Protein backbone atom coordinates (compact mmCIF):
# COMPACT_ATOMS: atom_id res chain seq x y z
CA MET A 1 146.21 147.80 16.56
CA LEU A 2 148.78 148.32 19.32
CA SER A 3 150.19 144.87 18.67
CA ARG A 4 150.90 145.72 15.05
CA ALA A 5 154.22 147.43 15.82
CA GLY A 6 155.22 144.54 18.06
CA ILE A 7 154.43 142.00 15.36
CA LEU A 8 156.40 143.92 12.74
CA SER A 9 159.39 144.47 15.02
CA GLY A 10 159.35 140.78 16.00
CA GLN A 11 159.20 139.72 12.35
CA GLN A 12 162.07 142.08 11.47
CA CYS A 13 164.16 140.72 14.34
CA LYS A 14 163.57 137.17 13.10
CA ASN A 15 164.59 138.17 9.57
CA ILE A 16 167.74 139.92 10.82
CA VAL A 17 168.71 136.90 12.95
CA ALA A 18 168.10 134.57 9.98
CA LEU A 19 170.20 136.83 7.72
CA SER A 20 173.10 136.94 10.21
CA THR A 21 172.95 133.15 10.67
CA ARG A 22 172.98 132.60 6.93
CA CYS A 23 175.93 134.98 6.45
CA MET A 24 177.93 133.20 9.20
CA ALA A 25 177.16 129.77 7.77
CA THR A 26 178.05 130.70 4.20
CA THR A 27 180.95 128.79 2.67
CA PRO A 28 182.78 129.42 -0.64
CA ALA A 29 180.80 126.60 -2.25
CA THR A 30 177.48 128.00 -1.10
CA SER A 31 178.46 131.53 -2.05
CA THR A 32 179.47 130.31 -5.47
CA SER A 33 176.21 128.46 -5.89
CA ALA A 34 174.31 131.51 -4.70
CA ASP A 35 175.70 133.48 -7.64
CA LYS A 36 173.92 131.14 -10.04
CA PRO A 37 170.59 132.38 -11.39
CA SER A 38 168.90 129.11 -10.41
CA GLN A 39 169.44 129.74 -6.69
CA PRO A 40 166.72 131.85 -5.00
CA ALA A 41 167.85 135.24 -3.74
CA PHE A 42 167.54 136.35 -0.13
CA GLN A 43 163.97 137.33 0.69
CA ARG A 44 163.75 140.81 2.13
CA PRO A 45 161.50 141.27 5.18
CA VAL A 46 157.97 142.06 4.02
CA ARG A 47 155.61 144.22 5.97
CA GLN A 48 152.85 142.07 7.43
CA GLN A 49 149.43 142.80 8.86
CA PRO A 50 148.12 141.23 12.08
CA GLY A 51 145.54 138.47 11.81
CA LYS A 52 141.82 139.15 11.96
CA VAL A 53 140.02 138.89 15.30
CA ARG A 54 136.42 138.97 16.49
CA LEU A 55 135.05 140.54 19.65
CA GLY A 56 138.38 142.33 19.97
CA PHE A 57 140.49 139.36 21.10
CA VAL A 58 139.19 136.06 19.60
CA PRO A 59 141.23 135.01 16.51
CA GLU A 60 139.42 134.31 13.28
CA GLU A 61 141.00 130.84 13.12
CA TRP A 62 138.89 129.87 16.20
CA PHE A 63 135.68 130.38 14.27
CA GLN A 64 137.04 128.75 11.11
CA PHE A 65 137.93 125.64 13.14
CA PHE A 66 134.33 125.28 14.43
CA TYR A 67 132.62 126.09 11.12
CA LYS A 68 133.59 122.73 9.61
CA LYS A 69 132.21 120.79 12.61
CA THR A 70 129.38 122.79 14.22
CA GLY A 71 128.43 125.48 11.75
CA VAL A 72 128.19 129.22 12.36
CA THR A 73 126.77 129.12 15.92
CA GLY A 74 129.26 126.52 17.17
CA PRO A 75 132.02 128.88 18.37
CA TYR A 76 129.58 131.12 20.23
CA ALA A 77 127.73 128.17 21.81
CA PHE A 78 131.01 126.58 22.88
CA GLY A 79 132.30 129.81 24.39
CA ILE A 80 129.04 130.54 26.29
CA GLY A 81 128.71 126.93 27.44
CA LEU A 82 132.32 126.79 28.63
CA THR A 83 131.94 130.06 30.52
CA THR A 84 128.68 128.87 32.12
CA TYR A 85 130.30 125.58 33.10
CA LEU A 86 133.31 127.28 34.68
CA VAL A 87 131.15 129.76 36.59
CA SER A 88 128.51 127.21 37.69
CA LYS A 89 131.11 124.75 38.95
CA GLU A 90 132.94 127.65 40.62
CA TRP A 91 136.13 126.83 38.82
CA TYR A 92 136.21 130.50 37.95
CA VAL A 93 135.24 132.45 41.08
CA MET A 94 133.83 135.95 40.53
CA GLU A 95 135.57 137.74 43.40
CA HIS A 96 136.52 141.37 43.67
CA GLU A 97 139.42 140.93 41.23
CA TYR A 98 136.92 139.80 38.59
CA TYR A 99 135.04 143.07 38.78
CA ASN A 100 138.29 144.98 38.86
CA GLY A 101 139.18 143.10 35.71
CA LEU A 102 135.84 144.08 34.15
CA SER A 103 136.53 147.71 35.01
CA LEU A 104 140.02 147.45 33.58
CA LEU A 105 138.63 145.78 30.45
CA VAL A 106 136.12 148.60 29.97
CA LEU A 107 138.92 151.14 30.36
CA CYS A 108 141.07 149.24 27.92
CA ILE A 109 138.22 149.08 25.38
CA ILE A 110 137.58 152.80 25.76
CA GLY A 111 141.30 153.51 25.41
CA VAL A 112 141.56 151.32 22.32
CA LYS A 113 138.50 152.91 20.72
CA LYS A 114 139.47 156.48 21.57
CA LEU A 115 143.28 156.46 21.56
CA GLY A 116 143.87 153.42 19.37
CA PRO A 117 143.31 155.10 15.96
CA ALA A 118 145.61 158.02 16.78
CA ILE A 119 148.35 155.77 18.18
CA ALA A 120 147.96 153.35 15.28
CA LYS A 121 148.20 156.24 12.80
CA TYR A 122 151.33 157.51 14.53
CA LEU A 123 152.90 154.05 14.59
CA ASP A 124 151.94 153.45 10.97
CA LYS A 125 153.63 156.72 10.07
CA GLU A 126 156.77 155.72 11.94
CA ILE A 127 156.77 152.32 10.26
CA ASP A 128 156.24 153.92 6.85
CA GLU A 129 159.14 156.29 7.45
CA TYR A 130 161.32 153.41 8.64
CA GLU A 131 160.37 151.34 5.59
CA ALA A 132 160.89 154.35 3.32
CA GLY A 133 164.39 154.72 4.75
CA TRP A 134 165.14 151.10 3.98
CA ASN A 135 163.66 151.40 0.50
CA SER A 136 165.56 154.63 -0.20
CA GLY A 137 168.84 152.94 0.70
CA ARG A 138 167.95 149.96 -1.42
CA GLU A 139 166.88 152.15 -4.34
CA SER A 140 170.03 154.27 -4.10
CA GLU A 141 172.15 151.12 -4.05
CA LYS A 142 170.18 149.70 -6.98
CA THR A 143 170.68 152.95 -8.90
CA ALA A 144 174.41 152.85 -8.20
CA LEU A 145 174.62 149.22 -9.29
CA ASN A 146 172.65 149.98 -12.48
CA ALA A 147 175.03 152.85 -13.18
CA GLN A 148 177.99 150.51 -12.67
CA ILE A 149 176.37 147.95 -14.97
CA LYS A 150 175.86 150.59 -17.67
CA GLU A 151 179.44 151.77 -17.22
CA GLU A 152 180.67 148.19 -17.52
CA GLU A 153 178.57 147.71 -20.66
CA THR A 154 180.10 150.93 -22.04
CA HIS A 155 183.59 149.63 -21.28
CA GLN A 156 182.74 146.32 -22.96
CA TRP A 157 181.43 148.23 -25.99
CA SER A 158 184.64 150.26 -26.04
CA ALA A 159 186.66 147.04 -25.83
CA ASP A 160 184.69 145.65 -28.76
CA GLY A 161 185.46 148.87 -30.63
CA GLN A 162 189.16 148.42 -29.88
CA LEU A 163 188.98 144.89 -31.26
CA MET A 164 187.33 146.20 -34.41
CA LEU A 165 190.01 148.91 -34.67
CA VAL A 166 192.78 146.35 -34.33
CA ALA A 167 191.10 144.18 -36.97
CA ALA A 168 190.82 147.20 -39.28
CA LYS A 169 194.51 148.03 -38.74
CA ARG A 170 195.46 144.44 -39.51
CA GLU A 171 193.37 144.58 -42.68
CA ASN A 172 195.04 147.86 -43.68
CA VAL A 173 198.48 146.34 -43.09
CA ALA A 174 197.45 143.32 -45.17
CA LEU A 175 196.25 145.64 -47.95
CA GLN A 176 199.53 147.57 -47.81
CA LEU A 177 201.50 144.33 -48.02
CA GLU A 178 199.37 143.23 -50.96
CA ALA A 179 199.90 146.59 -52.68
CA ALA A 180 203.66 146.37 -52.11
CA TYR A 181 203.67 142.80 -53.46
CA ARG A 182 201.74 143.82 -56.57
CA GLN A 183 204.03 146.82 -57.04
CA ARG A 184 207.07 144.57 -56.90
CA LEU A 185 205.45 142.18 -59.34
CA MET A 186 204.81 145.11 -61.67
CA ASN A 187 208.42 146.26 -61.34
CA VAL A 188 209.62 142.74 -62.18
CA TYR A 189 207.26 142.64 -65.17
CA ASP A 190 208.50 146.02 -66.42
CA GLU A 191 212.16 145.05 -66.02
CA VAL A 192 211.66 141.71 -67.74
CA THR A 193 209.70 143.43 -70.53
CA LYS A 194 212.47 145.98 -71.00
CA ARG A 195 215.13 143.27 -71.25
CA LEU A 196 213.04 141.23 -73.67
CA ASN A 197 212.33 144.31 -75.80
CA TYR A 198 216.06 145.09 -75.76
CA GLN A 199 216.87 141.62 -77.00
CA VAL A 200 214.20 141.83 -79.72
CA GLU A 201 215.38 145.27 -80.82
CA ARG A 202 218.97 144.07 -80.83
CA GLN A 203 218.08 141.12 -83.00
CA ASN A 204 216.11 143.42 -85.34
CA VAL A 205 219.02 145.83 -85.60
CA GLU A 206 221.46 143.01 -86.27
CA GLN A 207 219.09 141.60 -88.87
CA ARG A 208 218.73 144.99 -90.61
CA ILE A 209 222.49 145.58 -90.58
CA ALA A 210 223.09 142.11 -91.96
CA GLN A 211 220.42 142.62 -94.62
CA LYS A 212 221.87 146.01 -95.54
CA HIS A 213 225.35 144.64 -95.88
CA LEU A 214 224.01 141.70 -97.86
CA VAL A 215 222.11 143.98 -100.22
CA SER A 216 225.12 146.24 -100.59
CA TRP A 217 227.35 143.27 -101.28
CA VAL A 218 224.90 141.83 -103.85
CA VAL A 219 224.48 145.19 -105.56
CA LYS A 220 228.22 145.69 -105.59
CA ARG A 221 228.78 142.25 -107.03
CA VAL A 222 226.08 142.75 -109.66
CA VAL A 223 227.38 146.17 -110.64
CA SER A 224 230.89 144.88 -110.85
CA SER A 225 229.74 142.00 -113.07
CA ILE A 226 228.07 144.29 -115.67
CA THR A 227 230.29 145.15 -118.64
CA ALA A 228 230.31 148.37 -120.63
CA GLU A 229 228.66 146.66 -123.59
CA GLN A 230 225.83 145.32 -121.42
CA GLU A 231 225.37 148.73 -119.87
CA LYS A 232 225.13 150.33 -123.34
CA GLN A 233 222.57 147.73 -124.46
CA ASN A 234 220.49 148.35 -121.34
CA ILE A 235 220.54 152.10 -121.96
CA ASP A 236 219.45 151.62 -125.56
CA LYS A 237 216.70 149.26 -124.47
CA CYS A 238 215.43 151.82 -121.95
CA ILE A 239 215.46 154.59 -124.60
CA ALA A 240 213.46 152.37 -126.98
CA ASP A 241 210.94 151.57 -124.30
CA LEU A 242 210.52 155.23 -123.54
CA ALA A 243 209.97 156.04 -127.21
CA VAL A 244 207.29 153.36 -127.42
CA LEU A 245 205.62 154.69 -124.35
CA ALA A 246 205.74 158.25 -125.76
CA LYS A 247 203.93 157.13 -128.97
CA VAL A 248 201.22 155.41 -126.95
């Protein structure tokens, strides 16, 4: 439990060193390629747990290594046999330092059992606070970046609106030009119609005047050609016709 803080601090130091090395070795080409979505992002340091142990100090990997070759009892038999061999051959001499070591081991075990949970809880709390500080900074930065992204999207939307407004203004100008063109065409049509109507009316007036003069001339010529005797005969003829009509 006491080694947990050391493992985490060592892992964090390794990650910090790797990050600094990567930042120093970054070139414009690599930084440009890092902006691509296909490139993996930098992996933040992840909180890790220490490996499992047995008997307080023997790693779990020791037992896993022997399970494939000797079975479950292999690690224990190897450890007891090796200890017996070392003691029997006096390679490991049990002098006074050995018993002092046993006493120190008992004290360490008692300290770990009694003080270990409290110290581990305290260290876990410190690590949680430290990690919470990192996460709070990251979350605040993420929030700020999201706000900037939303603001940029708003500006892009506004720019799109400006483009639409410009397009609408261009369309209005085009409609105004079309209306002015049609108005001018209508003015030309009206002016041409007036001139054509004037010419038609002029021809009609000239034709009526000519017809009137012609009729007047014909009547005048006819009247001048009638003699007094013919006029008297016509009057008598009219009187006779009226008398006939009166009898009917």
